[in-house]
C-alpha cells in the first residue's frame, strides 16, 4: 500500500531540536575523509515531535503530546556546525542545536499577554478577570485546553502561544 501525507496539519514554524549527543565521526566526501557531527537521535522529515522547552522540540515519546511533524528535509545548524563531541546537556548550553521547520498542530501561533506564572508547555485559557489576556489553566496549566504556551512568560508578560 502507498503511504500518503497530503495537506497540512497547521502552521509551519521554526523550532530548535534536541537530537541527543553529538559525536564527531569520520565521513567520506568527494574531498577526502573529514570529521562530521553525528546525532544520537537524529530527526528526519516526517518524524513526530513534542515540545521540550522554549521553542525546542524532541522526538515524540509514547507519553508525550504531539506538537507536529518535521517539515523540511535537513535541519540547519544555527550557531555553526559542531567541531567537537557534546552530550545533550552540553549541546544545549553551547547552542549546538539544529533548527527545523515543524508543521505544527496549531491553526495560529501568536504572541499573547498572560497573567500569573507561565512556563513553556503549559495550557492556557482566557483570563476571566482581564479582557484580552490569558492565564494558565486549572491545576497549574496541566488541564488540557486548545492553547499551549510555546515559551515562558517574559518581562513584558508575553508568551508565544499555539492555538489548536
Protein backbone atom coordinates (compact mmCIF):
# COMPACT_ATOMS: atom_id res chain seq x y z
CA UNK A 1 0.00 0.00 0.00
CA UNK A 2 1.22 3.52 -0.76
CA UNK A 3 1.98 5.96 2.03
CA UNK A 4 0.19 9.30 1.99
CA UNK A 5 1.00 12.63 3.55
CA UNK A 6 -1.39 15.14 1.98
CA UNK A 7 -2.44 18.54 3.21
CA UNK A 8 -1.18 20.44 6.17
CA UNK A 9 -1.70 19.98 9.86
CA UNK A 10 -1.31 23.67 10.56
CA UNK A 11 1.23 26.46 10.84
CA UNK A 12 4.84 25.66 9.87
CA UNK A 13 7.20 27.31 12.38
CA UNK A 14 10.94 27.13 13.18
CA UNK A 15 11.95 25.19 16.32
CA UNK A 16 15.35 24.13 17.57
CA UNK A 17 15.62 20.41 18.30
CA UNK A 18 17.24 18.24 20.94
CA UNK A 19 18.64 15.33 18.94
CA UNK A 20 20.78 13.69 21.61
CA UNK A 21 24.55 13.61 21.99
CA UNK A 22 26.76 14.85 19.17
CA UNK A 23 29.74 12.68 18.21
CA UNK A 24 32.38 13.65 15.68
CA UNK A 25 32.95 10.77 13.22
CA UNK A 26 34.96 10.32 10.05
CA UNK A 27 32.89 10.88 6.93
CA UNK A 28 33.90 10.13 3.35
CA UNK A 29 33.37 13.01 0.93
CA UNK A 30 34.44 13.91 -2.59
CA UNK A 31 37.26 15.87 -0.92
CA UNK A 32 38.51 13.00 1.24
CA UNK A 33 37.82 11.96 4.79
CA UNK A 34 36.56 14.70 7.11
CA UNK A 35 35.19 14.79 10.63
CA UNK A 36 31.40 15.27 10.63
CA UNK A 37 28.91 15.61 13.50
CA UNK A 38 26.53 12.69 14.01
CA UNK A 39 23.50 12.83 16.29
CA UNK A 40 22.27 10.12 18.67
CA UNK A 41 18.56 10.79 17.95
CA UNK A 42 18.63 12.50 14.56
CA UNK A 43 15.33 13.87 13.29
CA UNK A 44 14.16 13.23 9.75
CA UNK A 45 11.45 14.69 7.57
CA UNK A 46 8.05 13.31 8.68
CA UNK A 47 9.12 12.47 12.27
CA UNK A 48 6.65 13.42 15.01
CA UNK A 49 7.96 15.76 17.72
CA UNK A 50 6.88 17.11 21.10
CA UNK A 51 7.68 20.35 22.92
CA UNK A 52 10.74 20.15 25.20
CA UNK A 53 11.35 23.76 26.22
CA UNK A 54 11.09 27.26 24.85
CA UNK A 55 10.60 26.75 21.10
CA UNK A 56 12.57 23.49 21.41
CA UNK A 57 11.31 20.08 20.31
CA UNK A 58 12.50 16.50 20.64
CA UNK A 59 11.38 13.21 19.08
CA UNK A 60 7.90 12.19 20.25
CA UNK A 61 7.84 9.69 23.12
CA UNK A 62 4.98 7.34 23.97
CA UNK A 63 3.96 9.60 26.88
CA UNK A 64 4.46 12.90 25.02
CA UNK A 65 1.93 15.28 23.49
CA UNK A 66 2.47 15.55 19.70
CA UNK A 67 3.29 19.09 18.56
CA UNK A 68 3.69 18.33 14.87
CA UNK A 69 5.94 16.73 12.25
CA UNK A 70 9.31 17.67 10.79
CA UNK A 71 8.51 19.55 7.58
CA UNK A 72 11.87 20.06 5.86
CA UNK A 73 14.49 17.54 4.72
CA UNK A 74 17.50 18.92 6.60
CA UNK A 75 17.98 20.71 9.88
CA UNK A 76 20.20 23.80 9.90
CA UNK A 77 22.96 24.39 12.45
CA UNK A 78 22.09 27.89 13.69
CA UNK A 79 25.26 28.62 15.71
CA UNK A 80 27.76 26.86 13.48
CA UNK A 81 28.39 23.18 12.92
CA UNK A 82 29.95 21.42 15.92
CA UNK A 83 33.65 20.56 15.77
CA UNK A 84 33.83 18.52 18.98
CA UNK A 85 31.77 15.92 20.87
CA UNK A 86 28.92 17.12 23.12
CA UNK A 87 26.50 15.30 25.37
CA UNK A 88 22.89 16.55 25.14
CA UNK A 89 23.25 18.98 28.07
CA UNK A 90 26.49 20.44 26.68
CA UNK A 91 24.93 20.78 23.22
CA UNK A 92 22.01 22.78 24.66
CA UNK A 93 24.33 25.02 26.72
CA UNK A 94 26.61 25.63 23.72
CA UNK A 95 23.68 26.34 21.38
CA UNK A 96 24.62 23.39 19.18
CA UNK A 97 21.06 22.50 18.18
CA UNK A 98 19.73 22.27 14.66
CA UNK A 99 16.70 24.31 13.64
CA UNK A 100 13.85 22.55 11.85
CA UNK A 101 10.62 23.74 10.31
CA UNK A 102 7.86 21.94 12.21
CA UNK A 103 4.40 21.53 10.69
CA UNK A 104 2.50 22.09 13.92
CA UNK A 105 -0.96 21.08 15.08
CA UNK A 106 -1.75 24.79 15.52
CA UNK A 107 -4.08 26.85 13.33
CA UNK A 108 -2.36 30.01 14.56
CA UNK A 109 0.70 30.98 16.60
CA UNK A 110 0.53 34.36 18.36
CA UNK A 111 2.32 36.39 21.00
CA UNK A 112 -0.20 36.99 23.79
CA UNK A 113 -0.29 38.76 27.15
CA UNK A 114 -0.56 36.49 30.19
CA UNK A 115 -1.15 36.91 33.90
CA UNK A 116 0.36 34.74 36.58
CA UNK A 117 3.25 32.34 36.18
CA UNK A 118 3.51 30.60 32.77
CA UNK A 119 6.18 28.18 31.51
CA UNK A 120 6.63 26.60 28.09
CA UNK A 121 4.31 23.61 27.67
CA UNK A 122 1.55 24.89 29.96
CA UNK A 123 -2.02 25.01 28.71
CA UNK A 124 -3.63 28.46 28.63
CA UNK A 125 -7.18 29.82 28.86
CA UNK A 126 -8.68 33.30 28.59
CA UNK A 127 -8.23 35.25 31.83
CA UNK A 128 -11.66 35.77 33.45
CA UNK A 129 -10.54 38.97 35.16
CA UNK A 130 -8.71 40.81 32.34
CA UNK A 131 -10.12 41.01 28.81
CA UNK A 132 -7.67 40.02 26.08
CA UNK A 133 -5.24 38.28 28.44
CA UNK A 134 -4.59 34.61 29.12
CA UNK A 135 -3.61 32.58 32.17
CA UNK A 136 -2.56 29.02 32.96
CA UNK A 137 -5.47 26.58 33.06
CA UNK A 138 -6.55 24.79 36.22
CA UNK A 139 -4.02 22.62 38.05
CA UNK A 140 -1.14 24.99 37.17
CA UNK A 141 -1.54 24.68 33.43
CA UNK A 142 -1.90 20.90 33.26
CA UNK A 143 -5.62 20.87 32.45
CA UNK A 144 -5.72 20.43 28.67
CA UNK A 145 -7.04 23.25 26.50
CA UNK A 146 -6.76 24.39 22.89
CA UNK A 147 -3.96 26.87 23.67
CA UNK A 148 -0.38 25.87 24.55
CA UNK A 149 2.43 28.18 25.72
CA UNK A 150 5.49 27.67 23.50
CA UNK A 151 7.69 29.98 25.60
CA UNK A 152 7.81 31.08 29.22
CA UNK A 153 6.37 34.43 30.30
CA UNK A 154 8.88 37.21 29.58
CA UNK A 155 9.45 40.50 31.41
CA UNK A 156 6.69 42.14 29.31
CA UNK A 157 4.13 39.49 30.41
CA UNK A 158 4.15 37.93 26.92
CA UNK A 159 4.35 34.34 25.69
CA UNK A 160 4.30 32.76 22.26
CA UNK A 161 1.20 30.53 22.20
CA UNK A 162 -0.13 27.98 19.75
CA UNK A 163 -3.89 27.81 19.13
CA UNK A 164 -5.36 24.45 18.09
